[in-house]
Amino acid sequence: MSYTTVMVHLKLGQSNAYVLRVASELAERFESRLIGIAAAQPIQFNIGDGYISGDLIEQERDEIAEECKKVELEFHTINEGKQRTSEWRSTTTCSTIAAYVAQQARSADLIVTAVATQDAFDAQRQVKLADLLMQAGRPLLIVPDAVNPHSFNSVVIAWKDTRETRRAIVDALPLLKLASHISVVEIAVEGEINGAHTSIEDVCAWLRRHDIDAIPIVSESRSDDERHLQLIAQEQSADVIVAGAYGHSRLHEWALGGMTRALSLQEKFLAFLSH
């Protein structure tokens, strides 16, 4: 198994150095075709907003086109001298950016994207990761800003016996084959510890049949499982955390918080998420 095509989503109006570095490294490791993609959604005007100058609309479209040219140059620069096939795609879309990237993901095995900021002002320039996870039908590798160079040597699998996690571990198999140290971690409440041991032993045995060695770790749940997982990942010197996305409903995650949201916003590890 391999990622024959990696798609890297770039943000407009800012540097994409870190996400491009990770995407380029993956493309080198897997000898993948690399697709760069960017999009922006113009400001949406309602009929009740009153008169909107055509010049204002045209000016915004020109600004978007200029920003697209800059990130396209950034993408081509990272590919200079590389012995691989690359392609650039960009658009101005009246739909959401997530919808556009998800549609184009039909051409890719994996989407690499940056951690989204929580700045509402950037809503027309960056993808909503929750929407992209739900729509893409492809795994996402989320790259924090200013991430340290990653060798993909150490991976933590955040195990929970759900459809989403089973999907994630299959999607991550090519990445797991790069790693020299893999931990399968389950955080369980006190009465479920024995069942958790049985569950992750099965997972480790399944991985061995794919020629992947992994160590099982069961840890008792505390008040903050998201923080607990990140502490375990630090102890394991993890480069990447693999997890299923939205095992609970998105409404539950929005109201109460959850592992998916925590992993997509954290700043220390790459997050490989699949739904």
C-alpha atoms as a PDB file:
ATOM      1  CA  MET A   1       0.000   0.000   0.000  1.00  0.00           C
ATOM      2  CA  SER A   2       1.098   3.546  -0.690  1.00  0.00           C
ATOM      3  CA  TYR A   3      -0.175   7.070  -1.138  1.00  0.00           C
ATOM      4  CA  THR A   4       0.166   7.381  -4.891  1.00  0.00           C
ATOM      5  CA  THR A   5      -1.169  10.953  -4.841  1.00  0.00           C
ATOM      6  CA  VAL A   6      -0.875  13.470  -2.016  1.00  0.00           C
ATOM      7  CA  MET A   7      -2.970  16.651  -2.111  1.00  0.00           C
ATOM      8  CA  VAL A   8      -1.719  19.626  -0.112  1.00  0.00           C
ATOM      9  CA  HIS A   9      -4.183  22.384   0.711  1.00  0.00           C
ATOM     10  CA  LEU A  10      -2.617  25.850   1.013  1.00  0.00           C
ATOM     11  CA  LYS A  11      -4.000  28.892   2.800  1.00  0.00           C
ATOM     12  CA  LEU A  12      -4.195  32.212   1.000  1.00  0.00           C
ATOM     13  CA  GLY A  13      -2.613  35.350   2.413  1.00  0.00           C
ATOM     14  CA  GLN A  14       0.028  33.650   4.578  1.00  0.00           C
ATOM     15  CA  SER A  15       3.083  31.423   4.470  1.00  0.00           C
ATOM     16  CA  ASN A  16       2.555  27.697   3.878  1.00  0.00           C
ATOM     17  CA  ALA A  17       6.157  26.688   4.544  1.00  0.00           C
ATOM     18  CA  TYR A  18       5.435  24.073   7.210  1.00  0.00           C
ATOM     19  CA  VAL A  19       2.573  22.272   5.508  1.00  0.00           C
ATOM     20  CA  LEU A  20       4.487  22.265   2.216  1.00  0.00           C
ATOM     21  CA  ARG A  21       7.565  20.822   3.897  1.00  0.00           C
ATOM     22  CA  VAL A  22       5.563  17.924   5.356  1.00  0.00           C
ATOM     23  CA  ALA A  23       3.688  17.270   2.089  1.00  0.00           C
ATOM     24  CA  SER A  24       6.922  17.365   0.102  1.00  0.00           C
ATOM     25  CA  GLU A  25       8.599  14.922   2.492  1.00  0.00           C
ATOM     26  CA  LEU A  26       5.677  12.495   2.188  1.00  0.00           C
ATOM     27  CA  ALA A  27       5.672  12.771  -1.594  1.00  0.00           C
ATOM     28  CA  GLU A  28       9.395  11.984  -1.610  1.00  0.00           C
ATOM     29  CA  ARG A  29       8.982   8.985   0.707  1.00  0.00           C
ATOM     30  CA  PHE A  30       6.122   7.478  -1.285  1.00  0.00           C
ATOM     31  CA  GLU A  31       7.253   8.679  -4.735  1.00  0.00           C
ATOM     32  CA  SER A  32       3.823  10.280  -4.957  1.00  0.00           C
ATOM     33  CA  ARG A  33       2.271  12.686  -7.381  1.00  0.00           C
ATOM     34  CA  LEU A  34       1.752  15.974  -5.495  1.00  0.00           C
ATOM     35  CA  ILE A  35      -1.284  18.178  -6.087  1.00  0.00           C
ATOM     36  CA  GLY A  36      -1.352  21.695  -4.668  1.00  0.00           C
ATOM     37  CA  ILE A  37      -4.782  23.215  -4.096  1.00  0.00           C
ATOM     38  CA  ALA A  38      -6.129  26.552  -2.862  1.00  0.00           C
ATOM     39  CA  ALA A  39      -9.472  28.295  -2.898  1.00  0.00           C
ATOM     40  CA  ALA A  40     -11.273  31.339  -1.564  1.00  0.00           C
ATOM     41  CA  GLN A  41     -14.897  32.173  -1.057  1.00  0.00           C
ATOM     42  CA  PRO A  42     -15.829  35.766  -1.925  1.00  0.00           C
ATOM     43  CA  ILE A  43     -17.724  37.742   0.675  1.00  0.00           C
ATOM     44  CA  GLN A  44     -21.356  36.719   0.423  1.00  0.00           C
ATOM     45  CA  PHE A  45     -23.716  39.657  -0.081  1.00  0.00           C
ATOM     46  CA  ASN A  46     -27.443  39.322   0.578  1.00  0.00           C
ATOM     47  CA  ILE A  47     -30.068  41.218  -1.385  1.00  0.00           C
ATOM     48  CA  GLY A  48     -31.045  43.060   1.795  1.00  0.00           C
ATOM     49  CA  ASP A  49     -27.529  44.401   2.252  1.00  0.00           C
ATOM     50  CA  GLY A  50     -28.317  47.275  -0.091  1.00  0.00           C
ATOM     51  CA  TYR A  51     -26.293  48.541  -3.053  1.00  0.00           C
ATOM     52  CA  ILE A  52     -22.913  46.838  -3.520  1.00  0.00           C
ATOM     53  CA  SER A  53     -20.444  48.456  -5.877  1.00  0.00           C
ATOM     54  CA  GLY A  54     -19.414  46.313  -8.826  1.00  0.00           C
ATOM     55  CA  ASP A  55     -15.941  47.803  -8.413  1.00  0.00           C
ATOM     56  CA  LEU A  56     -15.777  46.449  -4.853  1.00  0.00           C
ATOM     57  CA  ILE A  57     -16.694  42.953  -6.006  1.00  0.00           C
ATOM     58  CA  GLU A  58     -14.160  43.106  -8.836  1.00  0.00           C
ATOM     59  CA  GLN A  59     -11.475  44.379  -6.472  1.00  0.00           C
ATOM     60  CA  GLU A  60     -12.006  41.436  -4.129  1.00  0.00           C
ATOM     61  CA  ARG A  61     -11.804  38.953  -6.995  1.00  0.00           C
ATOM     62  CA  ASP A  62      -8.545  40.563  -8.137  1.00  0.00           C
ATOM     63  CA  GLU A  63      -7.158  40.250  -4.594  1.00  0.00           C
ATOM     64  CA  ILE A  64      -8.086  36.563  -4.489  1.00  0.00           C
ATOM     65  CA  ALA A  65      -6.470  35.965  -7.887  1.00  0.00           C
ATOM     66  CA  GLU A  66      -3.265  37.661  -6.698  1.00  0.00           C
ATOM     67  CA  GLU A  67      -3.200  35.603  -3.502  1.00  0.00           C
ATOM     68  CA  CYS A  68      -3.689  32.415  -5.531  1.00  0.00           C
ATOM     69  CA  LYS A  69      -0.712  33.347  -7.725  1.00  0.00           C
ATOM     70  CA  LYS A  70       1.466  33.795  -4.637  1.00  0.00           C
ATOM     71  CA  VAL A  71       0.635  30.420  -3.118  1.00  0.00           C
ATOM     72  CA  GLU A  72       0.975  28.762  -6.534  1.00  0.00           C
ATOM     73  CA  LEU A  73       4.518  30.176  -6.743  1.00  0.00           C
ATOM     74  CA  GLU A  74       5.175  28.881  -3.224  1.00  0.00           C
ATOM     75  CA  PHE A  75       3.986  25.429  -4.316  1.00  0.00           C
ATOM     76  CA  HIS A  76       6.079  25.351  -7.493  1.00  0.00           C
ATOM     77  CA  THR A  77       9.158  26.559  -5.598  1.00  0.00           C
ATOM     78  CA  ILE A  78       9.024  23.585  -3.214  1.00  0.00           C
ATOM     79  CA  ASN A  79       8.874  21.290  -6.264  1.00  0.00           C
ATOM     80  CA  GLU A  80      11.861  22.758  -8.090  1.00  0.00           C
ATOM     81  CA  GLY A  81      14.411  20.082  -8.900  1.00  0.00           C
ATOM     82  CA  LYS A  82      12.205  17.260  -7.597  1.00  0.00           C
ATOM     83  CA  GLN A  83      11.802  14.124  -9.685  1.00  0.00           C
ATOM     84  CA  ARG A  84       8.045  13.850  -9.281  1.00  0.00           C
ATOM     85  CA  THR A  85       4.825  14.803 -11.013  1.00  0.00           C
ATOM     86  CA  SER A  86       3.080  17.848  -9.596  1.00  0.00           C
ATOM     87  CA  GLU A  87      -0.083  19.743 -10.439  1.00  0.00           C
ATOM     88  CA  TRP A  88      -1.720  22.978  -9.287  1.00  0.00           C
ATOM     89  CA  ARG A  89      -5.457  23.634  -8.815  1.00  0.00           C
ATOM     90  CA  SER A  90      -7.164  26.776  -7.509  1.00  0.00           C
ATOM     91  CA  THR A  91     -10.504  28.524  -7.764  1.00  0.00           C
ATOM     92  CA  THR A  92     -12.817  31.206  -6.477  1.00  0.00           C
ATOM     93  CA  THR A  93     -15.902  29.399  -5.274  1.00  0.00           C
ATOM     94  CA  CYS A  94     -19.347  30.485  -4.144  1.00  0.00           C
ATOM     95  CA  SER A  95     -19.588  27.166  -2.332  1.00  0.00           C
ATOM     96  CA  THR A  96     -17.457  26.451   0.728  1.00  0.00           C
ATOM     97  CA  ILE A  97     -13.738  25.842   0.491  1.00  0.00           C
ATOM     98  CA  ALA A  98     -14.275  22.468   2.195  1.00  0.00           C
ATOM     99  CA  ALA A  99     -16.732  21.442  -0.521  1.00  0.00           C
ATOM    100  CA  TYR A 100     -14.260  22.354  -3.284  1.00  0.00           C
ATOM    101  CA  VAL A 101     -11.283  20.576  -1.692  1.00  0.00           C
ATOM    102  CA  ALA A 102     -13.439  17.514  -0.892  1.00  0.00           C
ATOM    103  CA  GLN A 103     -14.605  17.345  -4.507  1.00  0.00           C
ATOM    104  CA  GLN A 104     -11.043  17.552  -5.818  1.00  0.00           C
ATOM    105  CA  ALA A 105      -9.921  14.915  -3.304  1.00  0.00           C
ATOM    106  CA  ARG A 106     -11.319  12.300  -5.694  1.00  0.00           C
ATOM    107  CA  SER A 107      -7.817  12.563  -7.264  1.00  0.00           C
ATOM    108  CA  ALA A 108      -5.873  11.905  -4.048  1.00  0.00           C
ATOM    109  CA  ASP A 109      -5.193   9.287  -1.382  1.00  0.00           C
ATOM    110  CA  LEU A 110      -4.331  11.748   1.377  1.00  0.00           C
ATOM    111  CA  ILE A 111      -4.983  15.438   2.077  1.00  0.00           C
ATOM    112  CA  VAL A 112      -2.348  17.461   3.912  1.00  0.00           C
ATOM    113  CA  THR A 113      -3.563  20.727   5.419  1.00  0.00           C
ATOM    114  CA  ALA A 114      -2.660  23.194   8.152  1.00  0.00           C
ATOM    115  CA  VAL A 115      -4.272  23.726  11.522  1.00  0.00           C
ATOM    116  CA  ALA A 116      -7.102  26.221  11.083  1.00  0.00           C
ATOM    117  CA  THR A 117      -7.086  29.409  13.082  1.00  0.00           C
ATOM    118  CA  GLN A 118     -10.192  30.369  15.008  1.00  0.00           C
ATOM    119  CA  ASP A 119     -10.280  33.848  13.464  1.00  0.00           C
ATOM    120  CA  ALA A 120     -13.719  34.480  11.955  1.00  0.00           C
ATOM    121  CA  PHE A 121     -12.163  37.182   9.754  1.00  0.00           C
ATOM    122  CA  ASP A 122     -10.389  34.449   7.764  1.00  0.00           C
ATOM    123  CA  ALA A 123     -13.575  32.499   7.023  1.00  0.00           C
ATOM    124  CA  GLN A 124     -13.317  33.195   3.281  1.00  0.00           C
ATOM    125  CA  ARG A 125      -9.651  32.192   3.107  1.00  0.00           C
ATOM    126  CA  GLN A 126      -9.345  28.958   5.057  1.00  0.00           C
ATOM    127  CA  VAL A 127     -11.048  25.609   5.101  1.00  0.00           C
ATOM    128  CA  LYS A 128     -13.300  24.448   7.937  1.00  0.00           C
ATOM    129  CA  LEU A 129     -11.568  21.241   8.952  1.00  0.00           C
ATOM    130  CA  ALA A 130     -14.701  19.726  10.490  1.00  0.00           C
ATOM    131  CA  ASP A 131     -16.560  20.107   7.178  1.00  0.00           C
ATOM    132  CA  LEU A 132     -13.624  18.751   5.192  1.00  0.00           C
ATOM    133  CA  LEU A 133     -13.310  15.701   7.447  1.00  0.00           C
ATOM    134  CA  MET A 134     -16.988  14.912   7.009  1.00  0.00           C
ATOM    135  CA  GLN A 135     -17.091  15.449   3.238  1.00  0.00           C
ATOM    136  CA  ALA A 136     -13.740  14.361   1.818  1.00  0.00           C
ATOM    137  CA  GLY A 137     -13.894  10.576   2.122  1.00  0.00           C
ATOM    138  CA  ARG A 138     -10.103  10.782   2.463  1.00  0.00           C
ATOM    139  CA  PRO A 139      -7.835  10.961   5.525  1.00  0.00           C
ATOM    140  CA  LEU A 140      -6.430  14.321   6.595  1.00  0.00           C
ATOM    141  CA  LEU A 141      -2.917  14.946   7.886  1.00  0.00           C
ATOM    142  CA  ILE A 142      -3.148  18.193   9.863  1.00  0.00           C
ATOM    143  CA  VAL A 143       0.079  20.168  10.275  1.00  0.00           C
ATOM    144  CA  PRO A 144       0.508  22.692  13.103  1.00  0.00           C
ATOM    145  CA  ASP A 145       2.237  26.011  12.447  1.00  0.00           C
ATOM    146  CA  ALA A 146       5.954  26.075  13.232  1.00  0.00           C
ATOM    147  CA  VAL A 147       6.032  22.293  13.548  1.00  0.00           C
ATOM    148  CA  ASN A 148       9.495  20.808  14.036  1.00  0.00           C
ATOM    149  CA  PRO A 149      10.938  18.720  11.186  1.00  0.00           C
ATOM    150  CA  HIS A 150       9.230  15.337  11.226  1.00  0.00           C
ATOM    151  CA  SER A 151      10.712  12.011  10.234  1.00  0.00           C
ATOM    152  CA  PHE A 152       7.497   9.979  10.822  1.00  0.00           C
ATOM    153  CA  ASN A 153       9.537   7.614  12.998  1.00  0.00           C
ATOM    154  CA  SER A 154       7.174   7.483  15.952  1.00  0.00           C
ATOM    155  CA  VAL A 155       3.392   7.139  15.707  1.00  0.00           C
ATOM    156  CA  VAL A 156       0.739   6.926  18.410  1.00  0.00           C
ATOM    157  CA  ILE A 157      -2.574   5.312  17.439  1.00  0.00           C
ATOM    158  CA  ALA A 158      -5.362   6.678  19.615  1.00  0.00           C
ATOM    159  CA  TRP A 159      -7.447   3.517  19.747  1.00  0.00           C
ATOM    160  CA  LYS A 160     -11.164   3.427  20.425  1.00  0.00           C
ATOM    161  CA  ASP A 161     -13.174   0.489  19.145  1.00  0.00           C
ATOM    162  CA  THR A 162     -15.300   2.484  16.687  1.00  0.00           C
ATOM    163  CA  ARG A 163     -15.905   2.438  12.963  1.00  0.00           C
ATOM    164  CA  GLU A 164     -13.999   5.717  12.575  1.00  0.00           C
ATOM    165  CA  THR A 165     -10.878   4.435  14.342  1.00  0.00           C
ATOM    166  CA  ARG A 166     -10.908   1.161  12.405  1.00  0.00           C
ATOM    167  CA  ARG A 167     -11.120   3.227   9.213  1.00  0.00           C
ATOM    168  CA  ALA A 168      -8.274   5.498  10.344  1.00  0.00           C
ATOM    169  CA  ILE A 169      -5.850   2.682  11.099  1.00  0.00           C
ATOM    170  CA  VAL A 170      -6.415   1.174   7.634  1.00  0.00           C
ATOM    171  CA  ASP A 171      -5.965   4.574   5.977  1.00  0.00           C
ATOM    172  CA  ALA A 172      -2.752   5.094   7.959  1.00  0.00           C
ATOM    173  CA  LEU A 173      -1.102   1.772   7.008  1.00  0.00           C
ATOM    174  CA  PRO A 174       1.350   3.321   4.506  1.00  0.00           C
ATOM    175  CA  LEU A 175       2.370   5.897   7.112  1.00  0.00           C
ATOM    176  CA  LEU A 176       2.733   3.211   9.782  1.00  0.00           C
ATOM    177  CA  LYS A 177       5.099   1.263   7.544  1.00  0.00           C
ATOM    178  CA  LEU A 178       7.467   4.277   7.630  1.00  0.00           C
ATOM    179  CA  ALA A 179       7.592   4.316  11.417  1.00  0.00           C
ATOM    180  CA  SER A 180      10.138   2.545  13.611  1.00  0.00           C
ATOM    181  CA  HIS A 181       8.119   2.965  16.819  1.00  0.00           C
ATOM    182  CA  ILE A 182       4.335   2.572  17.036  1.00  0.00           C
ATOM    183  CA  SER A 183       2.155   2.662  20.142  1.00  0.00           C
ATOM    184  CA  VAL A 184      -1.493   1.619  20.241  1.00  0.00           C
ATOM    185  CA  VAL A 185      -3.007   3.610  23.098  1.00  0.00           C
ATOM    186  CA  GLU A 186      -6.427   3.203  24.655  1.00  0.00           C
ATOM    187  CA  ILE A 187      -7.638   5.400  27.494  1.00  0.00           C
ATOM    188  CA  ALA A 188     -10.346   3.511  29.368  1.00  0.00           C
ATOM    189  CA  VAL A 189     -12.450   4.032  32.455  1.00  0.00           C
ATOM    190  CA  GLU A 190     -11.721   1.798  35.447  1.00  0.00           C
ATOM    191  CA  GLY A 191     -14.348  -0.864  34.729  1.00  0.00           C
ATOM    192  CA  GLU A 192     -13.254  -1.279  31.089  1.00  0.00           C
ATOM    193  CA  ILE A 193      -9.501  -1.759  31.552  1.00  0.00           C
ATOM    194  CA  ASN A 194      -9.536  -5.536  30.925  1.00  0.00           C
ATOM    195  CA  GLY A 195     -11.624  -5.131  27.775  1.00  0.00           C
ATOM    196  CA  ALA A 196      -9.255  -2.425  26.547  1.00  0.00           C
ATOM    197  CA  HIS A 197      -6.267  -4.769  26.925  1.00  0.00           C
ATOM    198  CA  THR A 198      -8.060  -7.422  24.862  1.00  0.00           C
ATOM    199  CA  SER A 199      -9.033  -4.874  22.220  1.00  0.00           C
ATOM    200  CA  ILE A 200      -5.598  -3.398  21.613  1.00  0.00           C
ATOM    201  CA  GLU A 201      -3.893  -6.800  21.730  1.00  0.00           C
ATOM    202  CA  ASP A 202      -6.142  -7.722  18.789  1.00  0.00           C
ATOM    203  CA  VAL A 203      -5.115  -4.516  17.023  1.00  0.00           C
ATOM    204  CA  CYS A 204      -1.401  -5.184  17.583  1.00  0.00           C
ATOM    205  CA  ALA A 205      -1.827  -8.748  16.285  1.00  0.00           C
ATOM    206  CA  TRP A 206      -3.602  -7.413  13.177  1.00  0.00           C
ATOM    207  CA  LEU A 207      -0.770  -4.940  12.600  1.00  0.00           C
ATOM    208  CA  ARG A 208       1.809  -7.735  12.875  1.00  0.00           C
ATOM    209  CA  ARG A 209       0.043  -9.521  10.028  1.00  0.00           C
ATOM    210  CA  HIS A 210       0.825  -6.389   8.022  1.00  0.00           C
ATOM    211  CA  ASP A 211       4.501  -6.614   9.117  1.00  0.00           C
ATOM    212  CA  ILE A 212       4.089  -3.703  11.542  1.00  0.00           C
ATOM    213  CA  ASP A 213       5.226  -4.056  15.157  1.00  0.00           C
ATOM    214  CA  ALA A 214       3.402  -2.021  17.799  1.00  0.00           C
ATOM    215  CA  ILE A 215       3.357  -1.852  21.574  1.00  0.00           C
ATOM    216  CA  PRO A 216       0.025  -1.807  23.465  1.00  0.00           C
ATOM    217  CA  ILE A 217      -0.611   0.855  26.112  1.00  0.00           C
ATOM    218  CA  VAL A 218      -3.739   0.992  28.241  1.00  0.00           C
ATOM    219  CA  SER A 219      -4.119   3.980  30.551  1.00  0.00           C
ATOM    220  CA  GLU A 220      -6.900   4.757  32.979  1.00  0.00           C
ATOM    221  CA  SER A 221      -9.100   7.697  32.060  1.00  0.00           C
ATOM    222  CA  ARG A 222      -8.660  10.975  33.873  1.00  0.00           C
ATOM    223  CA  SER A 223     -10.738  14.137  33.782  1.00  0.00           C
ATOM    224  CA  ASP A 224      -9.182  15.336  30.500  1.00  0.00           C
ATOM    225  CA  ASP A 225      -8.600  12.449  28.069  1.00  0.00           C
ATOM    226  CA  GLU A 226      -7.474  14.789  25.285  1.00  0.00           C
ATOM    227  CA  ARG A 227      -4.654  16.210  27.411  1.00  0.00           C
ATOM    228  CA  HIS A 228      -3.877  12.722  28.757  1.00  0.00           C
ATOM    229  CA  LEU A 229      -3.389  11.383  25.221  1.00  0.00           C
ATOM    230  CA  GLN A 230      -1.070  14.248  24.335  1.00  0.00           C
ATOM    231  CA  LEU A 231       1.046  13.564  27.430  1.00  0.00           C
ATOM    232  CA  ILE A 232       1.357   9.896  26.408  1.00  0.00           C
ATOM    233  CA  ALA A 233       2.311  11.001  22.887  1.00  0.00           C
ATOM    234  CA  GLN A 234       5.041  13.206  24.374  1.00  0.00           C
ATOM    235  CA  GLU A 235       6.339  10.290  26.446  1.00  0.00           C
ATOM    236  CA  GLN A 236       6.477   8.180  23.267  1.00  0.00           C
ATOM    237  CA  SER A 237       8.280  11.000  21.377  1.00  0.00           C
ATOM    238  CA  ALA A 238       5.505  10.825  18.793  1.00  0.00           C
ATOM    239  CA  ASP A 239       5.662  12.607  15.466  1.00  0.00           C
ATOM    240  CA  VAL A 240       2.081  11.705  14.515  1.00  0.00           C
ATOM    241  CA  ILE A 241      -1.143  10.845  16.328  1.00  0.00           C
ATOM    242  CA  VAL A 242      -3.558   8.665  14.316  1.00  0.00           C
ATOM    243  CA  ALA A 243      -7.224   8.817  15.320  1.00  0.00           C
ATOM    244  CA  GLY A 244     -10.736   8.335  14.074  1.00  0.00           C
ATOM    245  CA  ALA A 245     -12.662  11.576  13.603  1.00  0.00           C
ATOM    246  CA  TYR A 246     -16.098  12.300  15.038  1.00  0.00           C
ATOM    247  CA  GLY A 247     -16.949   9.050  16.748  1.00  0.00           C
ATOM    248  CA  HIS A 248     -19.511  11.250  18.520  1.00  0.00           C
ATOM    249  CA  SER A 249     -21.784  13.567  16.576  1.00  0.00           C
ATOM    250  CA  ARG A 250     -20.384  16.946  15.592  1.00  0.00           C
ATOM    251  CA  LEU A 251     -23.043  18.576  17.781  1.00  0.00           C
ATOM    252  CA  HIS A 252     -21.714  16.646  20.771  1.00  0.00           C
ATOM    253  CA  GLU A 253     -18.154  17.756  19.943  1.00  0.00           C
ATOM    254  CA  TRP A 254     -19.204  21.380  19.504  1.00  0.00           C
ATOM    255  CA  ALA A 255     -21.104  21.456  22.777  1.00  0.00           C
ATOM    256  CA  LEU A 256     -18.811  19.400  25.001  1.00  0.00           C
ATOM    257  CA  GLY A 257     -15.491  19.395  23.209  1.00  0.00           C
ATOM    258  CA  GLY A 258     -13.891  16.153  22.086  1.00  0.00           C
ATOM    259  CA  MET A 259     -10.828  14.320  20.835  1.00  0.00           C
ATOM    260  CA  THR A 260     -11.281  15.314  17.176  1.00  0.00           C
ATOM    261  CA  ARG A 261     -11.457  19.017  17.928  1.00  0.00           C
ATOM    262  CA  ALA A 262      -8.546  18.830  20.384  1.00  0.00           C
ATOM    263  CA  LEU A 263      -6.299  17.009  17.911  1.00  0.00           C
ATOM    264  CA  SER A 264      -7.152  19.344  15.021  1.00  0.00           C
ATOM    265  CA  LEU A 265      -6.155  22.398  17.101  1.00  0.00           C
ATOM    266  CA  GLN A 266      -3.129  21.122  19.060  1.00  0.00           C
ATOM    267  CA  GLU A 267       0.322  22.424  18.127  1.00  0.00           C
ATOM    268  CA  LYS A 268       2.820  19.675  18.993  1.00  0.00           C
ATOM    269  CA  PHE A 269       2.066  16.712  16.730  1.00  0.00           C
ATOM    270  CA  LEU A 270       0.878  15.967  13.253  1.00  0.00           C
ATOM    271  CA  ALA A 271      -2.703  14.654  13.459  1.00  0.00           C
ATOM    272  CA  PHE A 272      -3.803  11.943  11.039  1.00  0.00           C
ATOM    273  CA  LEU A 273      -7.609  11.904  11.145  1.00  0.00           C
ATOM    274  CA  SER A 274     -10.108   9.812   9.209  1.00  0.00           C
ATOM    275  CA  HIS A 275     -13.894   9.635   9.266  1.00  0.00           C
END
